[in-house]
N, C-alpha and C. Protein backbone atom coordinates (compact mmCIF):
# COMPACT_ATOMS: atom_id res chain seq x y z
N MET A 1 102.73 214.52 61.47
CA MET A 1 102.59 215.28 60.24
C MET A 1 101.30 216.08 60.31
N ASN A 2 101.39 217.29 59.79
CA ASN A 2 100.19 218.13 59.79
C ASN A 2 99.64 218.27 58.38
N GLY A 3 98.62 219.09 58.22
CA GLY A 3 97.95 219.24 56.93
C GLY A 3 98.85 219.78 55.83
N PHE A 4 99.77 220.68 56.19
CA PHE A 4 100.67 221.25 55.19
C PHE A 4 101.58 220.18 54.61
N ASP A 5 102.05 219.27 55.45
CA ASP A 5 102.91 218.18 54.96
C ASP A 5 102.18 217.31 53.95
N TYR A 6 100.94 216.97 54.25
CA TYR A 6 100.16 216.17 53.32
C TYR A 6 99.92 216.93 52.01
N PHE A 7 99.68 218.22 52.12
CA PHE A 7 99.49 219.04 50.92
C PHE A 7 100.73 219.03 50.04
N VAL A 8 101.90 219.16 50.63
CA VAL A 8 103.15 219.17 49.88
C VAL A 8 103.37 217.82 49.19
N ILE A 9 103.11 216.74 49.89
CA ILE A 9 103.30 215.40 49.32
C ILE A 9 102.34 215.19 48.15
N ILE A 10 101.09 215.55 48.31
CA ILE A 10 100.09 215.36 47.25
C ILE A 10 100.40 216.27 46.06
N ALA A 11 100.81 217.52 46.33
CA ALA A 11 101.17 218.44 45.24
C ALA A 11 102.38 217.92 44.48
N TYR A 12 103.37 217.38 45.19
CA TYR A 12 104.56 216.84 44.54
C TYR A 12 104.20 215.66 43.66
N LEU A 13 103.42 214.73 44.17
CA LEU A 13 103.02 213.56 43.38
C LEU A 13 102.20 213.96 42.16
N GLY A 14 101.31 214.92 42.34
CA GLY A 14 100.52 215.41 41.21
C GLY A 14 101.38 216.08 40.16
N ALA A 15 102.35 216.89 40.59
CA ALA A 15 103.25 217.56 39.65
C ALA A 15 104.08 216.56 38.88
N MET A 16 104.56 215.51 39.54
CA MET A 16 105.36 214.49 38.85
C MET A 16 104.50 213.73 37.84
N LEU A 17 103.25 213.49 38.16
CA LEU A 17 102.34 212.81 37.24
C LEU A 17 102.11 213.67 36.00
N VAL A 18 101.82 214.95 36.19
CA VAL A 18 101.59 215.85 35.06
C VAL A 18 102.87 216.01 34.24
N PHE A 19 104.00 216.15 34.91
CA PHE A 19 105.29 216.28 34.23
C PHE A 19 105.57 215.05 33.36
N GLY A 20 105.32 213.88 33.88
CA GLY A 20 105.53 212.65 33.13
C GLY A 20 104.60 212.53 31.94
N LEU A 21 103.36 212.94 32.10
CA LEU A 21 102.41 212.86 30.99
C LEU A 21 102.77 213.82 29.87
N PHE A 22 103.25 215.02 30.21
CA PHE A 22 103.60 215.98 29.17
C PHE A 22 104.90 215.64 28.46
N LEU A 23 105.81 214.96 29.13
CA LEU A 23 107.10 214.67 28.51
C LEU A 23 107.21 213.28 27.93
N SER A 24 106.17 212.49 28.05
CA SER A 24 106.25 211.13 27.49
C SER A 24 106.12 211.23 25.97
N LYS A 25 107.05 210.59 25.28
CA LYS A 25 107.09 210.65 23.82
C LYS A 25 107.01 209.28 23.19
N GLN A 26 106.75 208.25 23.96
CA GLN A 26 106.70 206.91 23.41
C GLN A 26 105.43 206.73 22.60
N SER A 27 105.60 206.17 21.41
CA SER A 27 104.43 205.94 20.57
C SER A 27 103.96 204.49 20.62
N ASP A 28 104.85 203.59 21.05
CA ASP A 28 104.46 202.19 21.17
C ASP A 28 105.37 201.49 22.19
N GLU A 29 105.18 200.21 22.35
CA GLU A 29 105.94 199.47 23.35
C GLU A 29 107.43 199.41 23.01
N GLY A 30 107.77 199.39 21.71
CA GLY A 30 109.16 199.36 21.30
C GLY A 30 109.92 200.59 21.75
N ASP A 31 109.26 201.75 21.66
CA ASP A 31 109.89 202.97 22.15
C ASP A 31 110.09 202.91 23.66
N TYR A 32 109.12 202.36 24.36
CA TYR A 32 109.21 202.32 25.82
C TYR A 32 110.29 201.36 26.28
N PHE A 33 110.30 200.14 25.77
CA PHE A 33 111.22 199.12 26.26
C PHE A 33 112.61 199.23 25.65
N LEU A 34 112.72 199.67 24.40
CA LEU A 34 114.00 199.70 23.71
C LEU A 34 114.56 201.10 23.53
N GLY A 35 113.81 202.13 23.89
CA GLY A 35 114.28 203.49 23.71
C GLY A 35 114.50 203.84 22.25
N ASN A 36 113.72 203.21 21.37
CA ASN A 36 113.83 203.40 19.92
C ASN A 36 115.23 203.08 19.42
N LYS A 37 115.95 202.26 20.19
CA LYS A 37 117.31 201.82 19.85
C LYS A 37 118.26 202.98 19.58
N SER A 38 118.06 204.09 20.31
CA SER A 38 118.88 205.27 20.08
C SER A 38 119.93 205.49 21.16
N ILE A 39 119.95 204.67 22.19
CA ILE A 39 120.91 204.84 23.28
C ILE A 39 122.13 203.96 23.00
N GLY A 40 123.28 204.49 23.33
CA GLY A 40 124.51 203.76 23.09
C GLY A 40 124.75 202.68 24.14
N TRP A 41 125.79 201.90 23.94
CA TRP A 41 126.05 200.78 24.84
C TRP A 41 126.56 201.26 26.19
N PHE A 42 127.32 202.35 26.23
CA PHE A 42 127.90 202.78 27.50
C PHE A 42 126.84 203.33 28.46
N PRO A 43 125.94 204.25 28.03
CA PRO A 43 124.89 204.67 28.95
C PRO A 43 123.98 203.52 29.37
N LEU A 44 123.76 202.60 28.45
CA LEU A 44 122.93 201.43 28.78
C LEU A 44 123.61 200.57 29.85
N ALA A 45 124.91 200.38 29.72
CA ALA A 45 125.65 199.59 30.72
C ALA A 45 125.64 200.29 32.08
N LEU A 46 125.81 201.60 32.09
CA LEU A 46 125.78 202.34 33.36
C LEU A 46 124.39 202.27 34.00
N SER A 47 123.36 202.38 33.19
CA SER A 47 122.01 202.30 33.72
C SER A 47 121.72 200.93 34.30
N THR A 48 122.16 199.89 33.61
CA THR A 48 121.97 198.53 34.11
C THR A 48 122.73 198.31 35.39
N MET A 49 123.96 198.80 35.46
CA MET A 49 124.75 198.66 36.67
C MET A 49 124.13 199.41 37.84
N ALA A 50 123.60 200.60 37.58
CA ALA A 50 122.99 201.39 38.65
C ALA A 50 121.71 200.75 39.16
N THR A 51 121.02 200.06 38.28
CA THR A 51 119.78 199.41 38.70
C THR A 51 120.09 198.23 39.57
């Protein structure tokens, strides 16, 4: 790997960090762990199965 590869990896990780910080809308732990109880049972089941 050369310097450009390391630059791309670091830029990607930094962009994902900034993207996550700007789009996070959780106000407390309940929003984070329970999704404010706004998700239906079917998407929740698919997410659990995929995990």
